Amino acid sequence: MELRIKCSQRLNLNLRLVILSVSLFLSLGCQPIIQTKPKFHGDYPAEELRSMWAFCVTNFRLKAPYTPPLDVAKMCDCYLDEMRISHSHEKINKLSDNQTRAMGMRLIRVCNIKPEPKSV
């Protein structure tokens, strides 16, 4: 008799869990889909992005050889991210020399890590 009660209670609990799971699935599955604008222009070929990143790292290491490699990588990541946010691939290739210089200065302002003053 006691075994029947335990089995009945377990079955009742399992049934409640199934009903709860199904009701949660149905209610949460019916939420509206919110469309968001992508952060980056998605028209840059991956090979070109890799090439630009490698070019950035190489040049940075030549111009500032004592900058830690992780900082250089973070700055080059930022350069490419900011560039992809503000300009599509088509537009970046059509910038004038002055526009390219202005964008470069903005990227430096936004992305370059400020060296921390050394304590004596």
PDB file of N, CA and C in Angstrom:
ATOM      1  N   MET A   1       0.833  -1.199   0.000  1.00  0.00           N
ATOM      2  CA  MET A   1       0.000   0.000   0.000  1.00  0.00           C
ATOM      3  C   MET A   1       0.871   1.255   0.000  1.00  0.00           C
ATOM      4  N   GLU A   2       1.887   1.240   0.848  1.00  0.00           N
ATOM      5  CA  GLU A   2       2.779   2.383   0.961  1.00  0.00           C
ATOM      6  C   GLU A   2       3.527   2.612  -0.358  1.00  0.00           C
ATOM      7  N   LEU A   3       3.894   1.543  -1.043  1.00  0.00           N
ATOM      8  CA  LEU A   3       4.584   1.637  -2.326  1.00  0.00           C
ATOM      9  C   LEU A   3       3.692   2.271  -3.382  1.00  0.00           C
ATOM     10  N   ARG A   4       2.395   1.945  -3.366  1.00  0.00           N
ATOM     11  CA  ARG A   4       1.446   2.534  -4.310  1.00  0.00           C
ATOM     12  C   ARG A   4       1.318   4.040  -4.094  1.00  0.00           C
ATOM     13  N   ILE A   5       1.325   4.459  -2.834  1.00  0.00           N
ATOM     14  CA  ILE A   5       1.198   5.885  -2.518  1.00  0.00           C
ATOM     15  C   ILE A   5       2.432   6.628  -3.022  1.00  0.00           C
ATOM     16  N   LYS A   6       3.634   6.060  -2.803  1.00  0.00           N
ATOM     17  CA  LYS A   6       4.858   6.699  -3.267  1.00  0.00           C
ATOM     18  C   LYS A   6       4.887   6.773  -4.783  1.00  0.00           C
ATOM     19  N   CYS A   7       4.476   5.698  -5.451  1.00  0.00           N
ATOM     20  CA  CYS A   7       4.438   5.699  -6.919  1.00  0.00           C
ATOM     21  C   CYS A   7       3.423   6.721  -7.421  1.00  0.00           C
ATOM     22  N   SER A   8       2.302   6.799  -6.765  1.00  0.00           N
ATOM     23  CA  SER A   8       1.268   7.747  -7.149  1.00  0.00           C
ATOM     24  C   SER A   8       1.743   9.185  -6.951  1.00  0.00           C
ATOM     25  N   GLN A   9       2.436   9.439  -5.851  1.00  0.00           N
ATOM     26  CA  GLN A   9       2.968  10.780  -5.590  1.00  0.00           C
ATOM     27  C   GLN A   9       4.044  11.139  -6.617  1.00  0.00           C
ATOM     28  N   ARG A  10       4.908  10.179  -6.946  1.00  0.00           N
ATOM     29  CA  ARG A  10       5.963  10.414  -7.920  1.00  0.00           C
ATOM     30  C   ARG A  10       5.352  10.684  -9.297  1.00  0.00           C
ATOM     31  N   LEU A  11       4.351   9.917  -9.673  1.00  0.00           N
ATOM     32  CA  LEU A  11       3.678  10.103 -10.950  1.00  0.00           C
ATOM     33  C   LEU A  11       2.996  11.463 -10.993  1.00  0.00           C
ATOM     34  N   ASN A  12       2.363  11.846  -9.882  1.00  0.00           N
ATOM     35  CA  ASN A  12       1.697  13.140  -9.784  1.00  0.00           C
ATOM     36  C   ASN A  12       2.716  14.277  -9.938  1.00  0.00           C
ATOM     37  N   LEU A  13       3.893  14.139  -9.301  1.00  0.00           N
ATOM     38  CA  LEU A  13       4.951  15.144  -9.398  1.00  0.00           C
ATOM     39  C   LEU A  13       5.485  15.225 -10.829  1.00  0.00           C
ATOM     40  N   ASN A  14       5.717  14.071 -11.445  1.00  0.00           N
ATOM     41  CA  ASN A  14       6.190  14.049 -12.833  1.00  0.00           C
ATOM     42  C   ASN A  14       5.181  14.701 -13.772  1.00  0.00           C
ATOM     43  N   LEU A  15       3.920  14.440 -13.566  1.00  0.00           N
ATOM     44  CA  LEU A  15       2.874  15.032 -14.396  1.00  0.00           C
ATOM     45  C   LEU A  15       2.854  16.545 -14.225  1.00  0.00           C
ATOM     46  N   ARG A  16       3.005  17.016 -13.008  1.00  0.00           N
ATOM     47  CA  ARG A  16       3.045  18.462 -12.751  1.00  0.00           C
ATOM     48  C   ARG A  16       4.260  19.105 -13.444  1.00  0.00           C
ATOM     49  N   LEU A  17       5.402  18.434 -13.370  1.00  0.00           N
ATOM     50  CA  LEU A  17       6.597  18.949 -14.031  1.00  0.00           C
ATOM     51  C   LEU A  17       6.417  19.024 -15.544  1.00  0.00           C
ATOM     52  N   VAL A  18       5.805  18.021 -16.117  1.00  0.00           N
ATOM     53  CA  VAL A  18       5.557  18.023 -17.564  1.00  0.00           C
ATOM     54  C   VAL A  18       4.613  19.165 -17.931  1.00  0.00           C
ATOM     55  N   ILE A  19       3.552  19.324 -17.188  1.00  0.00           N
ATOM     56  CA  ILE A  19       2.586  20.388 -17.465  1.00  0.00           C
ATOM     57  C   ILE A  19       3.248  21.758 -17.309  1.00  0.00           C
ATOM     58  N   LEU A  20       4.053  21.931 -16.263  1.00  0.00           N
ATOM     59  CA  LEU A  20       4.757  23.194 -16.051  1.00  0.00           C
ATOM     60  C   LEU A  20       5.732  23.460 -17.196  1.00  0.00           C
ATOM     61  N   SER A  21       6.489  22.437 -17.594  1.00  0.00           N
ATOM     62  CA  SER A  21       7.455  22.597 -18.686  1.00  0.00           C
ATOM     63  C   SER A  21       6.766  22.976 -19.988  1.00  0.00           C
ATOM     64  N   VAL A  22       5.682  22.302 -20.301  1.00  0.00           N
ATOM     65  CA  VAL A  22       4.957  22.599 -21.547  1.00  0.00           C
ATOM     66  C   VAL A  22       4.387  24.009 -21.504  1.00  0.00           C
ATOM     67  N   SER A  23       3.821  24.413 -20.379  1.00  0.00           N
ATOM     68  CA  SER A  23       3.239  25.762 -20.302  1.00  0.00           C
ATOM     69  C   SER A  23       4.328  26.833 -20.395  1.00  0.00           C
ATOM     70  N   LEU A  24       5.489  26.601 -19.768  1.00  0.00           N
ATOM     71  CA  LEU A  24       6.589  27.558 -19.887  1.00  0.00           C
ATOM     72  C   LEU A  24       7.103  27.622 -21.325  1.00  0.00           C
ATOM     73  N   PHE A  25       7.250  26.470 -21.943  1.00  0.00           N
ATOM     74  CA  PHE A  25       7.720  26.418 -23.322  1.00  0.00           C
ATOM     75  C   PHE A  25       6.780  27.193 -24.243  1.00  0.00           C
ATOM     76  N   LEU A  26       5.489  26.988 -24.072  1.00  0.00           N
ATOM     77  CA  LEU A  26       4.517  27.671 -24.925  1.00  0.00           C
ATOM     78  C   LEU A  26       4.469  29.167 -24.662  1.00  0.00           C
ATOM     79  N   SER A  27       4.541  29.555 -23.396  1.00  0.00           N
ATOM     80  CA  SER A  27       4.439  30.988 -23.099  1.00  0.00           C
ATOM     81  C   SER A  27       5.723  31.733 -23.459  1.00  0.00           C
ATOM     82  N   LEU A  28       6.894  31.131 -23.216  1.00  0.00           N
ATOM     83  CA  LEU A  28       8.145  31.802 -23.545  1.00  0.00           C
ATOM     84  C   LEU A  28       8.456  31.737 -25.031  1.00  0.00           C
ATOM     85  N   GLY A  29       7.973  30.733 -25.702  1.00  0.00           N
ATOM     86  CA  GLY A  29       8.220  30.583 -27.130  1.00  0.00           C
ATOM     87  C   GLY A  29       7.420  31.550 -27.979  1.00  0.00           C
ATOM     88  N   CYS A  30       6.468  32.236 -27.395  1.00  0.00           N
ATOM     89  CA  CYS A  30       5.607  33.142 -28.162  1.00  0.00           C
ATOM     90  C   CYS A  30       5.996  34.606 -27.992  1.00  0.00           C
ATOM     91  N   GLN A  31       7.207  34.869 -27.541  1.00  0.00           N
ATOM     92  CA  GLN A  31       7.665  36.240 -27.369  1.00  0.00           C
ATOM     93  C   GLN A  31       7.952  36.850 -28.742  1.00  0.00           C
ATOM     94  N   PRO A  32       7.702  38.144 -28.916  1.00  0.00           N
ATOM     95  CA  PRO A  32       7.977  38.769 -30.217  1.00  0.00           C
ATOM     96  C   PRO A  32       9.478  38.809 -30.506  1.00  0.00           C
ATOM     97  N   ILE A  33       9.823  38.695 -31.769  1.00  0.00           N
ATOM     98  CA  ILE A  33      11.221  38.766 -32.190  1.00  0.00           C
ATOM     99  C   ILE A  33      11.555  40.227 -32.446  1.00  0.00           C
ATOM    100  N   ILE A  34      12.607  40.701 -31.786  1.00  0.00           N
ATOM    101  CA  ILE A  34      13.010  42.094 -31.936  1.00  0.00           C
ATOM    102  C   ILE A  34      14.188  42.140 -32.903  1.00  0.00           C
ATOM    103  N   GLN A  35      14.010  42.841 -33.999  1.00  0.00           N
ATOM    104  CA  GLN A  35      15.067  42.986 -34.982  1.00  0.00           C
ATOM    105  C   GLN A  35      15.998  44.104 -34.541  1.00  0.00           C
ATOM    106  N   THR A  36      17.288  43.839 -34.537  1.00  0.00           N
ATOM    107  CA  THR A  36      18.263  44.867 -34.189  1.00  0.00           C
ATOM    108  C   THR A  36      19.202  45.077 -35.372  1.00  0.00           C
ATOM    109  N   LYS A  37      19.689  46.286 -35.470  1.00  0.00           N
ATOM    110  CA  LYS A  37      20.623  46.607 -36.537  1.00  0.00           C
ATOM    111  C   LYS A  37      21.984  46.024 -36.175  1.00  0.00           C
ATOM    112  N   PRO A  38      22.645  45.349 -37.125  1.00  0.00           N
ATOM    113  CA  PRO A  38      23.966  44.797 -36.823  1.00  0.00           C
ATOM    114  C   PRO A  38      24.957  45.896 -36.462  1.00  0.00           C
ATOM    115  N   LYS A  39      25.892  45.563 -35.585  1.00  0.00           N
ATOM    116  CA  LYS A  39      26.883  46.538 -35.133  1.00  0.00           C
ATOM    117  C   LYS A  39      27.839  46.914 -36.260  1.00  0.00           C
ATOM    118  N   PHE A  40      28.254  45.928 -37.059  1.00  0.00           N
ATOM    119  CA  PHE A  40      29.254  46.157 -38.091  1.00  0.00           C
ATOM    120  C   PHE A  40      28.631  46.078 -39.480  1.00  0.00           C
ATOM    121  N   HIS A  41      29.268  46.768 -40.427  1.00  0.00           N
ATOM    122  CA  HIS A  41      28.941  46.545 -41.823  1.00  0.00           C
ATOM    123  C   HIS A  41      29.497  45.163 -42.152  1.00  0.00           C
ATOM    124  N   GLY A  42      28.684  44.293 -42.660  1.00  0.00           N
ATOM    125  CA  GLY A  42      29.102  42.910 -42.886  1.00  0.00           C
ATOM    126  C   GLY A  42      29.655  42.639 -44.261  1.00  0.00           C
ATOM    127  N   ASP A  43      30.129  43.667 -44.937  1.00  0.00           N
ATOM    128  CA  ASP A  43      30.567  43.455 -46.323  1.00  0.00           C
ATOM    129  C   ASP A  43      32.080  43.382 -46.486  1.00  0.00           C
ATOM    130  N   TYR A  44      32.820  43.260 -45.385  1.00  0.00           N
ATOM    131  CA  TYR A  44      34.269  43.144 -45.474  1.00  0.00           C
ATOM    132  C   TYR A  44      34.644  41.671 -45.642  1.00  0.00           C
ATOM    133  N   PRO A  45      35.410  41.333 -46.663  1.00  0.00           N
ATOM    134  CA  PRO A  45      35.868  39.946 -46.791  1.00  0.00           C
ATOM    135  C   PRO A  45      36.791  39.579 -45.633  1.00  0.00           C
ATOM    136  N   ALA A  46      36.636  38.384 -45.103  1.00  0.00           N
ATOM    137  CA  ALA A  46      37.424  37.948 -43.940  1.00  0.00           C
ATOM    138  C   ALA A  46      38.923  38.016 -44.231  1.00  0.00           C
ATOM    139  N   GLU A  47      39.320  37.619 -45.431  1.00  0.00           N
ATOM    140  CA  GLU A  47      40.743  37.638 -45.773  1.00  0.00           C
ATOM    141  C   GLU A  47      41.305  39.063 -45.725  1.00  0.00           C
ATOM    142  N   GLU A  48      40.496  40.027 -46.169  1.00  0.00           N
ATOM    143  CA  GLU A  48      40.947  41.422 -46.146  1.00  0.00           C
ATOM    144  C   GLU A  48      41.033  41.941 -44.711  1.00  0.00           C
ATOM    145  N   LEU A  49      40.079  41.561 -43.869  1.00  0.00           N
ATOM    146  CA  LEU A  49      40.128  41.968 -42.454  1.00  0.00           C
ATOM    147  C   LEU A  49      41.382  41.416 -41.783  1.00  0.00           C
ATOM    148  N   ARG A  50      41.682  40.153 -42.044  1.00  0.00           N
ATOM    149  CA  ARG A  50      42.887  39.556 -41.455  1.00  0.00           C
ATOM    150  C   ARG A  50      44.139  40.279 -41.938  1.00  0.00           C
ATOM    151  N   SER A  51      44.150  40.606 -43.220  1.00  0.00           N
ATOM    152  CA  SER A  51      45.298  41.297 -43.807  1.00  0.00           C
ATOM    153  C   SER A  51      45.467  42.683 -43.187  1.00  0.00           C
ATOM    154  N   MET A  52      44.360  43.418 -43.019  1.00  0.00           N
ATOM    155  CA  MET A  52      44.434  44.753 -42.421  1.00  0.00           C
ATOM    156  C   MET A  52      44.905  44.667 -40.971  1.00  0.00           C
ATOM    157  N   TRP A  53      44.429  43.648 -40.244  1.00  0.00           N
ATOM    158  CA  TRP A  53      44.820  43.495 -38.846  1.00  0.00           C
ATOM    159  C   TRP A  53      46.320  43.191 -38.774  1.00  0.00           C
ATOM    160  N   ALA A  54      46.788  42.291 -39.618  1.00  0.00           N
ATOM    161  CA  ALA A  54      48.215  41.944 -39.615  1.00  0.00           C
ATOM    162  C   ALA A  54      49.073  43.152 -39.986  1.00  0.00           C
ATOM    163  N   PHE A  55      48.621  43.942 -40.947  1.00  0.00           N
ATOM    164  CA  PHE A  55      49.326  45.157 -41.350  1.00  0.00           C
ATOM    165  C   PHE A  55      49.405  46.129 -40.174  1.00  0.00           C
ATOM    166  N   CYS A  56      48.286  46.280 -39.465  1.00  0.00           N
ATOM    167  CA  CYS A  56      48.234  47.165 -38.292  1.00  0.00           C
ATOM    168  C   CYS A  56      49.235  46.712 -37.239  1.00  0.00           C
ATOM    169  N   VAL A  57      49.228  45.440 -36.902  1.00  0.00           N
ATOM    170  CA  VAL A  57      50.124  44.916 -35.870  1.00  0.00           C
ATOM    171  C   VAL A  57      51.578  45.107 -36.282  1.00  0.00           C
ATOM    172  N   THR A  58      51.890  44.757 -37.522  1.00  0.00           N
ATOM    173  CA  THR A  58      53.273  44.868 -38.001  1.00  0.00           C
ATOM    174  C   THR A  58      53.764  46.305 -37.931  1.00  0.00           C
ATOM    175  N   ASN A  59      52.963  47.232 -38.436  1.00  0.00           N
ATOM    176  CA  ASN A  59      53.367  48.642 -38.417  1.00  0.00           C
ATOM    177  C   ASN A  59      53.459  49.195 -37.004  1.00  0.00           C
ATOM    178  N   PHE A  60      52.524  48.795 -36.152  1.00  0.00           N
ATOM    179  CA  PHE A  60      52.556  49.270 -34.777  1.00  0.00           C
ATOM    180  C   PHE A  60      53.813  48.777 -34.075  1.00  0.00           C
ATOM    181  N   ARG A  61      54.172  47.515 -34.304  1.00  0.00           N
ATOM    182  CA  ARG A  61      55.365  46.954 -33.670  1.00  0.00           C
ATOM    183  C   ARG A  61      56.630  47.655 -34.162  1.00  0.00           C
ATOM    184  N   LEU A  62      56.635  48.105 -35.427  1.00  0.00           N
ATOM    185  CA  LEU A  62      57.795  48.831 -35.955  1.00  0.00           C
ATOM    186  C   LEU A  62      57.891  50.234 -35.366  1.00  0.00           C
ATOM    187  N   LYS A  63      56.738  50.911 -35.232  1.00  0.00           N
ATOM    188  CA  LYS A  63      56.731  52.290 -34.754  1.00  0.00           C
ATOM    189  C   LYS A  63      56.826  52.400 -33.239  1.00  0.00           C
ATOM    190  N   ALA A  64      56.319  51.408 -32.531  1.00  0.00           N
ATOM    191  CA  ALA A  64      56.345  51.429 -31.061  1.00  0.00           C
ATOM    192  C   ALA A  64      56.740  50.048 -30.555  1.00  0.00           C
ATOM    193  N   PRO A  65      58.001  49.678 -30.719  1.00  0.00           N
ATOM    194  CA  PRO A  65      58.427  48.303 -30.417  1.00  0.00           C
ATOM    195  C   PRO A  65      58.306  47.886 -28.952  1.00  0.00           C
ATOM    196  N   TYR A  66      58.209  48.838 -28.046  1.00  0.00           N
ATOM    197  CA  TYR A  66      58.145  48.484 -26.626  1.00  0.00           C
ATOM    198  C   TYR A  66      56.712  48.376 -26.097  1.00  0.00           C
ATOM    199  N   THR A  67      55.737  48.551 -26.984  1.00  0.00           N
ATOM    200  CA  THR A  67      54.343  48.386 -26.573  1.00  0.00           C
ATOM    201  C   THR A  67      54.077  46.891 -26.403  1.00  0.00           C
ATOM    202  N   PRO A  68      53.482  46.499 -25.282  1.00  0.00           N
ATOM    203  CA  PRO A  68      53.197  45.068 -25.073  1.00  0.00           C
ATOM    204  C   PRO A  68      52.314  44.497 -26.189  1.00  0.00           C
ATOM    205  N   PRO A  69      52.611  43.281 -26.636  1.00  0.00           N
ATOM    206  CA  PRO A  69      51.863  42.678 -27.753  1.00  0.00           C
ATOM    207  C   PRO A  69      50.354  42.637 -27.526  1.00  0.00           C
ATOM    208  N   LEU A  70      49.910  42.377 -26.304  1.00  0.00           N
ATOM    209  CA  LEU A  70      48.474  42.330 -26.034  1.00  0.00           C
ATOM    210  C   LEU A  70      47.836  43.701 -26.248  1.00  0.00           C
ATOM    211  N   ASP A  71      48.520  44.762 -25.857  1.00  0.00           N
ATOM    212  CA  ASP A  71      48.001  46.116 -26.081  1.00  0.00           C
ATOM    213  C   ASP A  71      47.919  46.428 -27.576  1.00  0.00           C
ATOM    214  N   VAL A  72      48.945  46.006 -28.323  1.00  0.00           N
ATOM    215  CA  VAL A  72      48.933  46.223 -29.776  1.00  0.00           C
ATOM    216  C   VAL A  72      47.743  45.495 -30.396  1.00  0.00           C
ATOM    217  N   ALA A  73      47.535  44.251 -30.000  1.00  0.00           N
ATOM    218  CA  ALA A  73      46.410  43.469 -30.541  1.00  0.00           C
ATOM    219  C   ALA A  73      45.076  44.129 -30.214  1.00  0.00           C
ATOM    220  N   LYS A  74      44.921  44.616 -28.966  1.00  0.00           N
ATOM    221  CA  LYS A  74      43.669  45.280 -28.575  1.00  0.00           C
ATOM    222  C   LYS A  74      43.436  46.547 -29.397  1.00  0.00           C
ATOM    223  N   MET A  75      44.491  47.324 -29.623  1.00  0.00           N
ATOM    224  CA  MET A  75      44.335  48.552 -30.399  1.00  0.00           C
ATOM    225  C   MET A  75      43.981  48.240 -31.852  1.00  0.00           C
ATOM    226  N   CYS A  76      44.629  47.247 -32.432  1.00  0.00           N
ATOM    227  CA  CYS A  76      44.318  46.893 -33.824  1.00  0.00           C
ATOM    228  C   CYS A  76      42.901  46.322 -33.941  1.00  0.00           C
ATOM    229  N   ASP A  77      42.465  45.557 -32.948  1.00  0.00           N
ATOM    230  CA  ASP A  77      41.076  45.089 -32.916  1.00  0.00           C
ATOM    231  C   ASP A  77      40.128  46.282 -32.921  1.00  0.00           C
ATOM    232  N   CYS A  78      40.430  47.252 -32.078  1.00  0.00           N
ATOM    233  CA  CYS A  78      39.602  48.453 -31.972  1.00  0.00           C
ATOM    234  C   CYS A  78      39.584  49.216 -33.291  1.00  0.00           C
ATOM    235  N   TYR A  79      40.743  49.381 -33.926  1.00  0.00           N
ATOM    236  CA  TYR A  79      40.808  50.090 -35.209  1.00  0.00           C
ATOM    237  C   TYR A  79      39.864  49.449 -36.218  1.00  0.00           C
ATOM    238  N   LEU A  80      39.972  48.135 -36.360  1.00  0.00           N
ATOM    239  CA  LEU A  80      39.144  47.455 -37.347  1.00  0.00           C
ATOM    240  C   LEU A  80      37.664  47.512 -36.975  1.00  0.00           C
ATOM    241  N   ASP A  81      37.358  47.333 -35.691  1.00  0.00           N
ATOM    242  CA  ASP A  81      35.960  47.401 -35.255  1.00  0.00           C
ATOM    243  C   ASP A  81      35.365  48.781 -35.532  1.00  0.00           C
ATOM    244  N   GLU A  82      36.088  49.831 -35.129  1.00  0.00           N
ATOM    245  CA  GLU A  82      35.595  51.199 -35.336  1.00  0.00           C
ATOM    246  C   GLU A  82      35.437  51.501 -36.823  1.00  0.00           C
ATOM    247  N   MET A  83      36.375  51.036 -37.620  1.00  0.00           N
ATOM    248  CA  MET A  83      36.309  51.272 -39.056  1.00  0.00           C
ATOM    249  C   MET A  83      35.094  50.559 -39.651  1.00  0.00           C
ATOM    250  N   ARG A  84      34.829  49.332 -39.219  1.00  0.00           N
ATOM    251  CA  ARG A  84      33.689  48.576 -39.743  1.00  0.00           C
ATOM    252  C   ARG A  84      32.357  49.142 -39.261  1.00  0.00           C
ATOM    253  N   ILE A  85      32.357  49.783 -38.100  1.00  0.00           N
ATOM    254  CA  ILE A  85      31.126  50.413 -37.598  1.00  0.00           C
ATOM    255  C   ILE A  85      30.803  51.663 -38.418  1.00  0.00           C
ATOM    256  N   SER A  86      31.833  52.453 -38.709  1.00  0.00           N
ATOM    257  CA  SER A  86      31.588  53.763 -39.328  1.00  0.00           C
ATOM    258  C   SER A  86      31.561  53.741 -40.857  1.00  0.00           C
ATOM    259  N   HIS A  87      32.202  52.760 -41.486  1.00  0.00           N
ATOM    260  CA  HIS A  87      32.289  52.761 -42.948  1.00  0.00           C
ATOM    261  C   HIS A  87      32.055  51.365 -43.518  1.00  0.00           C
ATOM    262  N   SER A  88      31.288  51.299 -44.577  1.00  0.00           N
ATOM    263  CA  SER A  88      31.148  50.032 -45.283  1.00  0.00           C
ATOM    264  C   SER A  88      32.420  49.781 -46.085  1.00  0.00           C
ATOM    265  N   HIS A  89      32.594  48.573 -46.543  1.00  0.00           N
ATOM    266  CA  HIS A  89      33.775  48.220 -47.337  1.00  0.00           C
ATOM    267  C   HIS A  89      33.829  49.062 -48.604  1.00  0.00           C
ATOM    268  N   GLU A  90      32.687  49.267 -49.205  1.00  0.00           N
ATOM    269  CA  GLU A  90      32.627  50.063 -50.443  1.00  0.00           C
ATOM    270  C   GLU A  90      33.063  51.505 -50.187  1.00  0.00           C
ATOM    271  N   LYS A  91      32.581  52.087 -49.078  1.00  0.00           N
ATOM    272  CA  LYS A  91      32.905  53.489 -48.774  1.00  0.00           C
ATOM    273  C   LYS A  91      34.353  53.672 -48.335  1.00  0.00           C
ATOM    274  N   ILE A  92      34.890  52.681 -47.606  1.00  0.00           N
ATOM    275  CA  ILE A  92      36.258  52.829 -47.090  1.00  0.00           C
ATOM    276  C   ILE A  92      37.248  52.906 -48.246  1.00  0.00           C
ATOM    277  N   ASN A  93      36.953  52.213 -49.314  1.00  0.00           N
ATOM    278  CA  ASN A  93      37.853  52.207 -50.476  1.00  0.00           C
ATOM    279  C   ASN A  93      37.712  53.454 -51.334  1.00  0.00           C
ATOM    280  N   LYS A  94      36.707  54.284 -51.036  1.00  0.00           N
ATOM    281  CA  LYS A  94      36.499  55.502 -51.820  1.00  0.00           C
ATOM    282  C   LYS A  94      36.829  56.773 -51.040  1.00  0.00           C
ATOM    283  N   LEU A  95      37.430  56.643 -49.858  1.00  0.00           N
ATOM    284  CA  LEU A  95      37.765  57.820 -49.059  1.00  0.00           C
ATOM    285  C   LEU A  95      38.917  58.586 -49.713  1.00  0.00           C
ATOM    286  N   SER A  96      38.837  59.904 -49.623  1.00  0.00           N
ATOM    287  CA  SER A  96      39.933  60.739 -50.119  1.00  0.00           C
ATOM    288  C   SER A  96      41.095  60.665 -49.122  1.00  0.00           C
ATOM    289  N   ASP A  97      42.247  61.212 -49.508  1.00  0.00           N
ATOM    290  CA  ASP A  97      43.402  61.219 -48.601  1.00  0.00           C
ATOM    291  C   ASP A  97      43.090  61.972 -47.312  1.00  0.00           C
ATOM    292  N   ASN A  98      42.398  63.126 -47.439  1.00  0.00           N
ATOM    293  CA  ASN A  98      42.045  63.903 -46.246  1.00  0.00           C
ATOM    294  C   ASN A  98      41.078  63.135 -45.349  1.00  0.00           C
ATOM    295  N   GLN A  99      40.103  62.461 -45.942  1.00  0.00           N
ATOM    296  CA  GLN A  99      39.141  61.677 -45.156  1.00  0.00           C
ATOM    297  C   GLN A  99      39.840  60.504 -44.467  1.00  0.00           C
ATOM    298  N   THR A 100      40.784  59.891 -45.168  1.00  0.00           N
ATOM    299  CA  THR A 100      41.529  58.777 -44.588  1.00  0.00           C
ATOM    300  C   THR A 100      42.363  59.258 -43.403  1.00  0.00           C
ATOM    301  N   ARG A 101      43.027  60.419 -43.551  1.00  0.00           N
ATOM    302  CA  ARG A 101      43.810  60.992 -42.451  1.00  0.00           C
ATOM    303  C   ARG A 101      42.919  61.320 -41.255  1.00  0.00           C
ATOM    304  N   ALA A 102      41.762  61.918 -41.527  1.00  0.00           N
ATOM    305  CA  ALA A 102      40.835  62.276 -40.441  1.00  0.00           C
ATOM    306  C   ALA A 102      40.342  61.021 -39.718  1.00  0.00           C
ATOM    307  N   MET A 103      40.025  59.974 -40.488  1.00  0.00           N
ATOM    308  CA  MET A 103      39.582  58.735 -39.864  1.00  0.00           C
ATOM    309  C   MET A 103      40.717  58.141 -39.026  1.00  0.00           C
ATOM    310  N   GLY A 104      41.944  58.183 -39.533  1.00  0.00           N
ATOM    311  CA  GLY A 104      43.097  57.677 -38.791  1.00  0.00           C
ATOM    312  C   GLY A 104      43.275  58.404 -37.467  1.00  0.00           C
ATOM    313  N   MET A 105      43.124  59.717 -37.471  1.00  0.00           N
ATOM    314  CA  MET A 105      43.256  60.496 -36.238  1.00  0.00           C
ATOM    315  C   MET A 105      42.151  60.138 -35.243  1.00  0.00           C
ATOM    316  N   ARG A 106      40.933  59.937 -35.751  1.00  0.00           N
ATOM    317  CA  ARG A 106      39.821  59.552 -34.874  1.00  0.00           C
ATOM    318  C   ARG A 106      40.087  58.169 -34.265  1.00  0.00           C
ATOM    319  N   LEU A 107      40.595  57.242 -35.071  1.00  0.00           N
ATOM    320  CA  LEU A 107      40.882  55.903 -34.565  1.00  0.00           C
ATOM    321  C   LEU A 107      41.962  55.948 -33.489  1.00  0.00           C
ATOM    322  N   ILE A 108      42.964  56.778 -33.695  1.00  0.00           N
ATOM    323  CA  ILE A 108      44.020  56.926 -32.689  1.00  0.00           C
ATOM    324  C   ILE A 108      43.436  57.468 -31.387  1.00  0.00           C
ATOM    325  N   ARG A 109      42.576  58.499 -31.502  1.00  0.00           N
ATOM    326  CA  ARG A 109      41.954  59.091 -30.307  1.00  0.00           C
ATOM    327  C   ARG A 109      41.108  58.064 -29.564  1.00  0.00           C
ATOM    328  N   VAL A 110      40.346  57.280 -30.309  1.00  0.00           N
ATOM    329  CA  VAL A 110      39.411  56.336 -29.688  1.00  0.00           C
ATOM    330  C   VAL A 110      40.114  55.081 -29.181  1.00  0.00           C
ATOM    331  N   CYS A 111      41.067  54.574 -29.949  1.00  0.00           N
ATOM    332  CA  CYS A 111      41.589  53.224 -29.694  1.00  0.00           C
ATOM    333  C   CYS A 111      42.929  53.145 -28.974  1.00  0.00           C
ATOM    334  N   ASN A 112      43.773  54.142 -29.126  1.00  0.00           N
ATOM    335  CA  ASN A 112      45.107  53.991 -28.542  1.00  0.00           C
ATOM    336  C   ASN A 112      45.051  53.967 -27.027  1.00  0.00           C
ATOM    337  N   ILE A 113      45.729  52.994 -26.481  1.00  0.00           N
ATOM    338  CA  ILE A 113      45.793  52.827 -25.029  1.00  0.00           C
ATOM    339  C   ILE A 113      46.767  53.865 -24.488  1.00  0.00           C
ATOM    340  N   LYS A 114      46.321  54.608 -23.511  1.00  0.00           N
ATOM    341  CA  LYS A 114      47.162  55.644 -22.907  1.00  0.00           C
ATOM    342  C   LYS A 114      48.147  54.979 -21.957  1.00  0.00           C
ATOM    343  N   PRO A 115      49.443  55.243 -22.106  1.00  0.00           N
ATOM    344  CA  PRO A 115      50.408  54.631 -21.183  1.00  0.00           C
ATOM    345  C   PRO A 115      50.206  55.159 -19.772  1.00  0.00           C
ATOM    346  N   GLU A 116      50.280  54.259 -18.821  1.00  0.00           N
ATOM    347  CA  GLU A 116      50.125  54.653 -17.426  1.00  0.00           C
ATOM    348  C   GLU A 116      51.436  55.262 -16.937  1.00  0.00           C
ATOM    349  N   PRO A 117      51.343  56.356 -16.176  1.00  0.00           N
ATOM    350  CA  PRO A 117      52.588  56.959 -15.669  1.00  0.00           C
ATOM    351  C   PRO A 117      53.313  55.981 -14.759  1.00  0.00           C
ATOM    352  N   LYS A 118      54.634  55.949 -14.899  1.00  0.00           N
ATOM    353  CA  LYS A 118      55.441  55.045 -14.085  1.00  0.00           C
ATOM    354  C   LYS A 118      55.614  55.647 -12.701  1.00  0.00           C
ATOM    355  N   SER A 119      55.412  54.813 -11.704  1.00  0.00           N
ATOM    356  CA  SER A 119      55.615  55.298 -10.330  1.00  0.00           C
ATOM    357  C   SER A 119      57.075  55.080  -9.949  1.00  0.00           C
ATOM    358  N   VAL A 120      57.610  56.053  -9.247  1.00  0.00           N
ATOM    359  CA  VAL A 120      59.032  56.003  -8.871  1.00  0.00           C
ATOM    360  C   VAL A 120      59.201  55.467  -7.496  1.00  0.00           C
TER     361      VAL A 120
END
